[in-house]
Amino acid sequence: SIIDVIVILVVAVLALAIYVKGQMP
């Protein structure tokens, strides 16, 4: 479903943001 694709993309972006924030000094 296209809705599932959007949910997966949002979760991936949030996970990437949390990872990058954790790596910043």
mmCIF file of all heavy atoms, coordinates in Angstrom:
data_MODEL
# 
_entry.id   MODEL 
# 
loop_
_atom_site.group_PDB 
_atom_site.id 
_atom_site.type_symbol 
_atom_site.label_atom_id 
_atom_site.label_alt_id 
_atom_site.label_comp_id 
_atom_site.label_asym_id 
_atom_site.label_entity_id 
_atom_site.label_seq_id 
_atom_site.pdbx_PDB_ins_code 
_atom_site.Cartn_x 
_atom_site.Cartn_y 
_atom_site.Cartn_z 
_atom_site.occupancy 
_atom_site.B_iso_or_equiv 
_atom_site.pdbx_formal_charge 
_atom_site.auth_seq_id 
_atom_site.auth_comp_id 
_atom_site.auth_asym_id 
_atom_site.auth_atom_id 
_atom_site.pdbx_PDB_model_num 
ATOM 1   N N   . SER A 1 1  ? 0.832  -1.194 0.000  1.00 0.00 ? 1  SER A N   1 
ATOM 2   C CA  . SER A 1 1  ? 0.000  0.000  0.000  1.00 0.00 ? 1  SER A CA  1 
ATOM 3   C C   . SER A 1 1  ? 0.876  1.257  0.000  1.00 0.00 ? 1  SER A C   1 
ATOM 4   O O   . SER A 1 1  ? 1.949  1.287  0.627  1.00 0.00 ? 1  SER A O   1 
ATOM 5   C CB  . SER A 1 1  ? -0.901 -0.003 1.240  1.00 0.00 ? 1  SER A CB  1 
ATOM 6   O OG  . SER A 1 1  ? -1.511 1.251  1.409  1.00 0.00 ? 1  SER A OG  1 
ATOM 7   N N   . ILE A 1 2  ? 0.435  2.291  -0.698 1.00 0.00 ? 2  ILE A N   1 
ATOM 8   C CA  . ILE A 1 2  ? 1.173  3.558  -0.746 1.00 0.00 ? 2  ILE A CA  1 
ATOM 9   C C   . ILE A 1 2  ? 1.270  4.177  0.645  1.00 0.00 ? 2  ILE A C   1 
ATOM 10  O O   . ILE A 1 2  ? 2.256  4.808  0.990  1.00 0.00 ? 2  ILE A O   1 
ATOM 11  C CB  . ILE A 1 2  ? 0.535  4.541  -1.754 1.00 0.00 ? 2  ILE A CB  1 
ATOM 12  C CG1 . ILE A 1 2  ? 1.496  5.684  -2.063 1.00 0.00 ? 2  ILE A CG1 1 
ATOM 13  C CG2 . ILE A 1 2  ? -0.720 5.153  -1.248 1.00 0.00 ? 2  ILE A CG2 1 
ATOM 14  C CD1 . ILE A 1 2  ? 2.166  5.560  -3.356 1.00 0.00 ? 2  ILE A CD1 1 
ATOM 15  N N   . ILE A 1 3  ? 0.265  3.971  1.491  1.00 0.00 ? 3  ILE A N   1 
ATOM 16  C CA  . ILE A 1 3  ? 0.281  4.466  2.874  1.00 0.00 ? 3  ILE A CA  1 
ATOM 17  C C   . ILE A 1 3  ? 1.413  3.786  3.644  1.00 0.00 ? 3  ILE A C   1 
ATOM 18  O O   . ILE A 1 3  ? 2.134  4.432  4.410  1.00 0.00 ? 3  ILE A O   1 
ATOM 19  C CB  . ILE A 1 3  ? -1.074 4.194  3.569  1.00 0.00 ? 3  ILE A CB  1 
ATOM 20  C CG1 . ILE A 1 3  ? -2.208 4.827  2.797  1.00 0.00 ? 3  ILE A CG1 1 
ATOM 21  C CG2 . ILE A 1 3  ? -1.043 4.626  5.018  1.00 0.00 ? 3  ILE A CG2 1 
ATOM 22  C CD1 . ILE A 1 3  ? -2.396 6.297  2.994  1.00 0.00 ? 3  ILE A CD1 1 
ATOM 23  N N   . ASP A 1 4  ? 1.592  2.485  3.437  1.00 0.00 ? 4  ASP A N   1 
ATOM 24  C CA  . ASP A 1 4  ? 2.678  1.761  4.107  1.00 0.00 ? 4  ASP A CA  1 
ATOM 25  C C   . ASP A 1 4  ? 4.039  2.319  3.697  1.00 0.00 ? 4  ASP A C   1 
ATOM 26  O O   . ASP A 1 4  ? 4.947  2.435  4.519  1.00 0.00 ? 4  ASP A O   1 
ATOM 27  C CB  . ASP A 1 4  ? 2.605  0.261  3.785  1.00 0.00 ? 4  ASP A CB  1 
ATOM 28  C CG  . ASP A 1 4  ? 1.363  -0.400 4.382  1.00 0.00 ? 4  ASP A CG  1 
ATOM 29  O OD1 . ASP A 1 4  ? 0.808  0.170  5.349  1.00 0.00 ? 4  ASP A OD1 1 
ATOM 30  O OD2 . ASP A 1 4  ? 0.962  -1.471 3.876  1.00 0.00 ? 4  ASP A OD2 1 
ATOM 31  N N   . VAL A 1 5  ? 4.198  2.673  2.426  1.00 0.00 ? 5  VAL A N   1 
ATOM 32  C CA  . VAL A 1 5  ? 5.464  3.237  1.934  1.00 0.00 ? 5  VAL A CA  1 
ATOM 33  C C   . VAL A 1 5  ? 5.741  4.562  2.628  1.00 0.00 ? 5  VAL A C   1 
ATOM 34  O O   . VAL A 1 5  ? 6.864  4.820  3.087  1.00 0.00 ? 5  VAL A O   1 
ATOM 35  C CB  . VAL A 1 5  ? 5.428  3.408  0.396  1.00 0.00 ? 5  VAL A CB  1 
ATOM 36  C CG1 . VAL A 1 5  ? 6.629  4.200  -0.089 1.00 0.00 ? 5  VAL A CG1 1 
ATOM 37  C CG2 . VAL A 1 5  ? 5.353  2.057  -0.287 1.00 0.00 ? 5  VAL A CG2 1 
ATOM 38  N N   . ILE A 1 6  ? 4.724  5.412  2.765  1.00 0.00 ? 6  ILE A N   1 
ATOM 39  C CA  . ILE A 1 6  ? 4.895  6.706  3.421  1.00 0.00 ? 6  ILE A CA  1 
ATOM 40  C C   . ILE A 1 6  ? 5.268  6.515  4.889  1.00 0.00 ? 6  ILE A C   1 
ATOM 41  O O   . ILE A 1 6  ? 6.169  7.174  5.404  1.00 0.00 ? 6  ILE A O   1 
ATOM 42  C CB  . ILE A 1 6  ? 3.616  7.558  3.267  1.00 0.00 ? 6  ILE A CB  1 
ATOM 43  C CG1 . ILE A 1 6  ? 3.436  7.952  1.799  1.00 0.00 ? 6  ILE A CG1 1 
ATOM 44  C CG2 . ILE A 1 6  ? 3.664  8.797  4.156  1.00 0.00 ? 6  ILE A CG2 1 
ATOM 45  C CD1 . ILE A 1 6  ? 2.112  8.617  1.493  1.00 0.00 ? 6  ILE A CD1 1 
ATOM 46  N N   . VAL A 1 7  ? 4.609  5.588  5.579  1.00 0.00 ? 7  VAL A N   1 
ATOM 47  C CA  . VAL A 1 7  ? 4.922  5.323  6.989  1.00 0.00 ? 7  VAL A CA  1 
ATOM 48  C C   . VAL A 1 7  ? 6.359  4.829  7.131  1.00 0.00 ? 7  VAL A C   1 
ATOM 49  O O   . VAL A 1 7  ? 7.098  5.259  8.020  1.00 0.00 ? 7  VAL A O   1 
ATOM 50  C CB  . VAL A 1 7  ? 3.917  4.314  7.599  1.00 0.00 ? 7  VAL A CB  1 
ATOM 51  C CG1 . VAL A 1 7  ? 4.379  3.823  8.956  1.00 0.00 ? 7  VAL A CG1 1 
ATOM 52  C CG2 . VAL A 1 7  ? 2.536  4.934  7.693  1.00 0.00 ? 7  VAL A CG2 1 
ATOM 53  N N   . ILE A 1 8  ? 6.789  3.942  6.257  1.00 0.00 ? 8  ILE A N   1 
ATOM 54  C CA  . ILE A 1 8  ? 8.172  3.418  6.309  1.00 0.00 ? 8  ILE A CA  1 
ATOM 55  C C   . ILE A 1 8  ? 9.169  4.547  6.086  1.00 0.00 ? 8  ILE A C   1 
ATOM 56  O O   . ILE A 1 8  ? 10.191 4.635  6.788  1.00 0.00 ? 8  ILE A O   1 
ATOM 57  C CB  . ILE A 1 8  ? 8.352  2.277  5.283  1.00 0.00 ? 8  ILE A CB  1 
ATOM 58  C CG1 . ILE A 1 8  ? 7.554  1.049  5.735  1.00 0.00 ? 8  ILE A CG1 1 
ATOM 59  C CG2 . ILE A 1 8  ? 9.821  1.929  5.104  1.00 0.00 ? 8  ILE A CG2 1 
ATOM 60  C CD1 . ILE A 1 8  ? 7.461  -0.050 4.691  1.00 0.00 ? 8  ILE A CD1 1 
ATOM 61  N N   . LEU A 1 9  ? 8.889  5.447  5.135  1.00 0.00 ? 9  LEU A N   1 
ATOM 62  C CA  . LEU A 1 9  ? 9.797  6.575  4.876  1.00 0.00 ? 9  LEU A CA  1 
ATOM 63  C C   . LEU A 1 9  ? 9.877  7.514  6.081  1.00 0.00 ? 9  LEU A C   1 
ATOM 64  O O   . LEU A 1 9  ? 10.965 7.965  6.447  1.00 0.00 ? 9  LEU A O   1 
ATOM 65  C CB  . LEU A 1 9  ? 9.340  7.341  3.637  1.00 0.00 ? 9  LEU A CB  1 
ATOM 66  C CG  . LEU A 1 9  ? 9.626  6.671  2.296  1.00 0.00 ? 9  LEU A CG  1 
ATOM 67  C CD1 . LEU A 1 9  ? 9.012  7.481  1.168  1.00 0.00 ? 9  LEU A CD1 1 
ATOM 68  C CD2 . LEU A 1 9  ? 11.110 6.484  2.084  1.00 0.00 ? 9  LEU A CD2 1 
ATOM 69  N N   . VAL A 1 10 ? 8.740  7.803  6.726  1.00 0.00 ? 10 VAL A N   1 
ATOM 70  C CA  . VAL A 1 10 ? 8.740  8.683  7.899  1.00 0.00 ? 10 VAL A CA  1 
ATOM 71  C C   . VAL A 1 10 ? 9.541  8.054  9.035  1.00 0.00 ? 10 VAL A C   1 
ATOM 72  O O   . VAL A 1 10 ? 10.342 8.715  9.689  1.00 0.00 ? 10 VAL A O   1 
ATOM 73  C CB  . VAL A 1 10 ? 7.288  9.006  8.343  1.00 0.00 ? 10 VAL A CB  1 
ATOM 74  C CG1 . VAL A 1 10 ? 7.261  9.658  9.716  1.00 0.00 ? 10 VAL A CG1 1 
ATOM 75  C CG2 . VAL A 1 10 ? 6.602  9.889  7.314  1.00 0.00 ? 10 VAL A CG2 1 
ATOM 76  N N   . VAL A 1 11 ? 9.358  6.776  9.270  1.00 0.00 ? 11 VAL A N   1 
ATOM 77  C CA  . VAL A 1 11 ? 10.106 6.092  10.328 1.00 0.00 ? 11 VAL A CA  1 
ATOM 78  C C   . VAL A 1 11 ? 11.601 6.107  10.012 1.00 0.00 ? 11 VAL A C   1 
ATOM 79  O O   . VAL A 1 11 ? 12.436 6.338  10.892 1.00 0.00 ? 11 VAL A O   1 
ATOM 80  C CB  . VAL A 1 11 ? 9.575  4.645  10.522 1.00 0.00 ? 11 VAL A CB  1 
ATOM 81  C CG1 . VAL A 1 11 ? 10.503 3.840  11.409 1.00 0.00 ? 11 VAL A CG1 1 
ATOM 82  C CG2 . VAL A 1 11 ? 8.172  4.675  11.105 1.00 0.00 ? 11 VAL A CG2 1 
ATOM 83  N N   . ALA A 1 12 ? 11.970 5.903  8.761  1.00 0.00 ? 12 ALA A N   1 
ATOM 84  C CA  . ALA A 1 12 ? 13.385 5.913  8.370  1.00 0.00 ? 12 ALA A CA  1 
ATOM 85  C C   . ALA A 1 12 ? 13.998 7.298  8.577  1.00 0.00 ? 12 ALA A C   1 
ATOM 86  O O   . ALA A 1 12 ? 15.128 7.422  9.077  1.00 0.00 ? 12 ALA A O   1 
ATOM 87  C CB  . ALA A 1 12 ? 13.531 5.469  6.913  1.00 0.00 ? 12 ALA A CB  1 
ATOM 88  N N   . VAL A 1 13 ? 13.272 8.355  8.218  1.00 0.00 ? 13 VAL A N   1 
ATOM 89  C CA  . VAL A 1 13 ? 13.787 9.718  8.397  1.00 0.00 ? 13 VAL A CA  1 
ATOM 90  C C   . VAL A 1 13 ? 13.948 10.031 9.881  1.00 0.00 ? 13 VAL A C   1 
ATOM 91  O O   . VAL A 1 13 ? 14.953 10.614 10.293 1.00 0.00 ? 13 VAL A O   1 
ATOM 92  C CB  . VAL A 1 13 ? 12.851 10.739 7.700  1.00 0.00 ? 13 VAL A CB  1 
ATOM 93  C CG1 . VAL A 1 13 ? 13.169 12.159 8.126  1.00 0.00 ? 13 VAL A CG1 1 
ATOM 94  C CG2 . VAL A 1 13 ? 12.937 10.604 6.189  1.00 0.00 ? 13 VAL A CG2 1 
ATOM 95  N N   . LEU A 1 14 ? 12.983 9.644  10.711 1.00 0.00 ? 14 LEU A N   1 
ATOM 96  C CA  . LEU A 1 14 ? 13.098 9.868  12.154 1.00 0.00 ? 14 LEU A CA  1 
ATOM 97  C C   . LEU A 1 14 ? 14.284 9.110  12.745 1.00 0.00 ? 14 LEU A C   1 
ATOM 98  O O   . LEU A 1 14 ? 15.012 9.638  13.587 1.00 0.00 ? 14 LEU A O   1 
ATOM 99  C CB  . LEU A 1 14 ? 11.805 9.464  12.861 1.00 0.00 ? 14 LEU A CB  1 
ATOM 100 C CG  . LEU A 1 14 ? 10.616 10.405 12.657 1.00 0.00 ? 14 LEU A CG  1 
ATOM 101 C CD1 . LEU A 1 14 ? 9.360  9.814  13.293 1.00 0.00 ? 14 LEU A CD1 1 
ATOM 102 C CD2 . LEU A 1 14 ? 10.909 11.764 13.253 1.00 0.00 ? 14 LEU A CD2 1 
ATOM 103 N N   . ALA A 1 15 ? 14.477 7.881  12.321 1.00 0.00 ? 15 ALA A N   1 
ATOM 104 C CA  . ALA A 1 15 ? 15.612 7.096  12.822 1.00 0.00 ? 15 ALA A CA  1 
ATOM 105 C C   . ALA A 1 15 ? 16.930 7.747  12.417 1.00 0.00 ? 15 ALA A C   1 
ATOM 106 O O   . ALA A 1 15 ? 17.867 7.831  13.219 1.00 0.00 ? 15 ALA A O   1 
ATOM 107 C CB  . ALA A 1 15 ? 15.529 5.659  12.298 1.00 0.00 ? 15 ALA A CB  1 
ATOM 108 N N   . LEU A 1 16 ? 17.011 8.242  11.185 1.00 0.00 ? 16 LEU A N   1 
ATOM 109 C CA  . LEU A 1 16 ? 18.229 8.909  10.722 1.00 0.00 ? 16 LEU A CA  1 
ATOM 110 C C   . LEU A 1 16 ? 18.461 10.196 11.517 1.00 0.00 ? 16 LEU A C   1 
ATOM 111 O O   . LEU A 1 16 ? 19.597 10.492 11.905 1.00 0.00 ? 16 LEU A O   1 
ATOM 112 C CB  . LEU A 1 16 ? 18.123 9.224  9.227  1.00 0.00 ? 16 LEU A CB  1 
ATOM 113 C CG  . LEU A 1 16 ? 19.335 9.918  8.622  1.00 0.00 ? 16 LEU A CG  1 
ATOM 114 C CD1 . LEU A 1 16 ? 20.561 9.010  8.690  1.00 0.00 ? 16 LEU A CD1 1 
ATOM 115 C CD2 . LEU A 1 16 ? 19.046 10.326 7.192  1.00 0.00 ? 16 LEU A CD2 1 
ATOM 116 N N   . ALA A 1 17 ? 17.412 10.960 11.787 1.00 0.00 ? 17 ALA A N   1 
ATOM 117 C CA  . ALA A 1 17 ? 17.552 12.194 12.557 1.00 0.00 ? 17 ALA A CA  1 
ATOM 118 C C   . ALA A 1 17 ? 18.053 11.917 13.973 1.00 0.00 ? 17 ALA A C   1 
ATOM 119 O O   . ALA A 1 17 ? 18.911 12.623 14.488 1.00 0.00 ? 17 ALA A O   1 
ATOM 120 C CB  . ALA A 1 17 ? 16.214 12.932 12.605 1.00 0.00 ? 17 ALA A CB  1 
ATOM 121 N N   . ILE A 1 18 ? 17.527 10.873 14.599 1.00 0.00 ? 18 ILE A N   1 
ATOM 122 C CA  . ILE A 1 18 ? 17.977 10.513 15.952 1.00 0.00 ? 18 ILE A CA  1 
ATOM 123 C C   . ILE A 1 18 ? 19.430 10.072 15.927 1.00 0.00 ? 18 ILE A C   1 
ATOM 124 O O   . ILE A 1 18 ? 20.223 10.438 16.796 1.00 0.00 ? 18 ILE A O   1 
ATOM 125 C CB  . ILE A 1 18 ? 17.062 9.420  16.548 1.00 0.00 ? 18 ILE A CB  1 
ATOM 126 C CG1 . ILE A 1 18 ? 15.686 10.008 16.838 1.00 0.00 ? 18 ILE A CG1 1 
ATOM 127 C CG2 . ILE A 1 18 ? 17.668 8.806  17.804 1.00 0.00 ? 18 ILE A CG2 1 
ATOM 128 C CD1 . ILE A 1 18 ? 14.627 8.985  17.214 1.00 0.00 ? 18 ILE A CD1 1 
ATOM 129 N N   . TYR A 1 19 ? 19.827 9.323  14.929 1.00 0.00 ? 19 TYR A N   1 
ATOM 130 C CA  . TYR A 1 19 ? 21.216 8.883  14.812 1.00 0.00 ? 19 TYR A CA  1 
ATOM 131 C C   . TYR A 1 19 ? 22.146 10.078 14.630 1.00 0.00 ? 19 TYR A C   1 
ATOM 132 O O   . TYR A 1 19 ? 23.172 10.178 15.305 1.00 0.00 ? 19 TYR A O   1 
ATOM 133 C CB  . TYR A 1 19 ? 21.364 7.901  13.638 1.00 0.00 ? 19 TYR A CB  1 
ATOM 134 C CG  . TYR A 1 19 ? 22.800 7.544  13.356 1.00 0.00 ? 19 TYR A CG  1 
ATOM 135 C CD1 . TYR A 1 19 ? 23.477 6.652  14.164 1.00 0.00 ? 19 TYR A CD1 1 
ATOM 136 C CD2 . TYR A 1 19 ? 23.476 8.128  12.300 1.00 0.00 ? 19 TYR A CD2 1 
ATOM 137 C CE1 . TYR A 1 19 ? 24.806 6.340  13.924 1.00 0.00 ? 19 TYR A CE1 1 
ATOM 138 C CE2 . TYR A 1 19 ? 24.800 7.830  12.047 1.00 0.00 ? 19 TYR A CE2 1 
ATOM 139 C CZ  . TYR A 1 19 ? 25.465 6.932  12.861 1.00 0.00 ? 19 TYR A CZ  1 
ATOM 140 O OH  . TYR A 1 19 ? 26.775 6.637  12.616 1.00 0.00 ? 19 TYR A OH  1 
ATOM 141 N N   . VAL A 1 20 ? 21.805 10.994 13.719 1.00 0.00 ? 20 VAL A N   1 
ATOM 142 C CA  . VAL A 1 20 ? 22.655 12.159 13.458 1.00 0.00 ? 20 VAL A CA  1 
ATOM 143 C C   . VAL A 1 20 ? 22.752 13.039 14.693 1.00 0.00 ? 20 VAL A C   1 
ATOM 144 O O   . VAL A 1 20 ? 23.821 13.526 15.032 1.00 0.00 ? 20 VAL A O   1 
ATOM 145 C CB  . VAL A 1 20 ? 22.123 12.954 12.241 1.00 0.00 ? 20 VAL A CB  1 
ATOM 146 C CG1 . VAL A 1 20 ? 22.808 14.304 12.119 1.00 0.00 ? 20 VAL A CG1 1 
ATOM 147 C CG2 . VAL A 1 20 ? 22.302 12.154 10.967 1.00 0.00 ? 20 VAL A CG2 1 
ATOM 148 N N   . LYS A 1 21 ? 21.646 13.256 15.389 1.00 0.00 ? 21 LYS A N   1 
ATOM 149 C CA  . LYS A 1 21 ? 21.670 14.067 16.609 1.00 0.00 ? 21 LYS A CA  1 
ATOM 150 C C   . LYS A 1 21 ? 22.583 13.446 17.663 1.00 0.00 ? 21 LYS A C   1 
ATOM 151 O O   . LYS A 1 21 ? 23.292 14.148 18.374 1.00 0.00 ? 21 LYS A O   1 
ATOM 152 C CB  . LYS A 1 21 ? 20.265 14.245 17.163 1.00 0.00 ? 21 LYS A CB  1 
ATOM 153 C CG  . LYS A 1 21 ? 20.230 15.142 18.384 1.00 0.00 ? 21 LYS A CG  1 
ATOM 154 C CD  . LYS A 1 21 ? 18.816 15.391 18.815 1.00 0.00 ? 21 LYS A CD  1 
ATOM 155 C CE  . LYS A 1 21 ? 18.746 16.045 20.154 1.00 0.00 ? 21 LYS A CE  1 
ATOM 156 N NZ  . LYS A 1 21 ? 18.957 17.427 20.208 1.00 0.00 ? 21 LYS A NZ  1 
ATOM 157 N N   . GLY A 1 22 ? 22.579 12.140 17.770 1.00 0.00 ? 22 GLY A N   1 
ATOM 158 C CA  . GLY A 1 22 ? 23.439 11.455 18.733 1.00 0.00 ? 22 GLY A CA  1 
ATOM 159 C C   . GLY A 1 22 ? 24.917 11.550 18.385 1.00 0.00 ? 22 GLY A C   1 
ATOM 160 O O   . GLY A 1 22 ? 25.773 11.475 19.253 1.00 0.00 ? 22 GLY A O   1 
ATOM 161 N N   . GLN A 1 23 ? 25.234 11.742 17.116 1.00 0.00 ? 23 GLN A N   1 
ATOM 162 C CA  . GLN A 1 23 ? 26.623 11.824 16.677 1.00 0.00 ? 23 GLN A CA  1 
ATOM 163 C C   . GLN A 1 23 ? 27.199 13.235 16.760 1.00 0.00 ? 23 GLN A C   1 
ATOM 164 O O   . GLN A 1 23 ? 28.400 13.411 16.711 1.00 0.00 ? 23 GLN A O   1 
ATOM 165 C CB  . GLN A 1 23 ? 26.743 11.329 15.228 1.00 0.00 ? 23 GLN A CB  1 
ATOM 166 C CG  . GLN A 1 23 ? 26.359 9.883  15.047 1.00 0.00 ? 23 GLN A CG  1 
ATOM 167 C CD  . GLN A 1 23 ? 27.212 8.945  15.889 1.00 0.00 ? 23 GLN A CD  1 
ATOM 168 O OE1 . GLN A 1 23 ? 28.420 9.106  15.976 1.00 0.00 ? 23 GLN A OE1 1 
ATOM 169 N NE2 . GLN A 1 23 ? 26.571 7.984  16.529 1.00 0.00 ? 23 GLN A NE2 1 
ATOM 170 N N   . MET A 1 24 ? 26.336 14.241 16.879 1.00 0.00 ? 24 MET A N   1 
ATOM 171 C CA  . MET A 1 24 ? 26.805 15.631 16.919 1.00 0.00 ? 24 MET A CA  1 
ATOM 172 C C   . MET A 1 24 ? 27.441 15.931 18.268 1.00 0.00 ? 24 MET A C   1 
ATOM 173 O O   . MET A 1 24 ? 26.983 15.452 19.300 1.00 0.00 ? 24 MET A O   1 
ATOM 174 C CB  . MET A 1 24 ? 25.639 16.585 16.660 1.00 0.00 ? 24 MET A CB  1 
ATOM 175 C CG  . MET A 1 24 ? 25.091 16.489 15.259 1.00 0.00 ? 24 MET A CG  1 
ATOM 176 S SD  . MET A 1 24 ? 23.661 17.515 15.001 1.00 0.00 ? 24 MET A SD  1 
ATOM 177 C CE  . MET A 1 24 ? 24.365 19.131 15.190 1.00 0.00 ? 24 MET A CE  1 
ATOM 178 N N   . PRO A 1 25 ? 28.498 16.770 18.281 1.00 0.00 ? 25 PRO A N   1 
ATOM 179 C CA  . PRO A 1 25 ? 29.111 17.135 19.565 1.00 0.00 ? 25 PRO A CA  1 
ATOM 180 C C   . PRO A 1 25 ? 28.147 17.978 20.392 1.00 0.00 ? 25 PRO A C   1 
ATOM 181 O O   . PRO A 1 25 ? 27.436 18.817 19.870 1.00 0.00 ? 25 PRO A O   1 
ATOM 182 C CB  . PRO A 1 25 ? 30.340 17.955 19.154 1.00 0.00 ? 25 PRO A CB  1 
ATOM 183 C CG  . PRO A 1 25 ? 30.062 18.419 17.774 1.00 0.00 ? 25 PRO A CG  1 
ATOM 184 C CD  . PRO A 1 25 ? 29.153 17.393 17.159 1.00 0.00 ? 25 PRO A CD  1 
# 
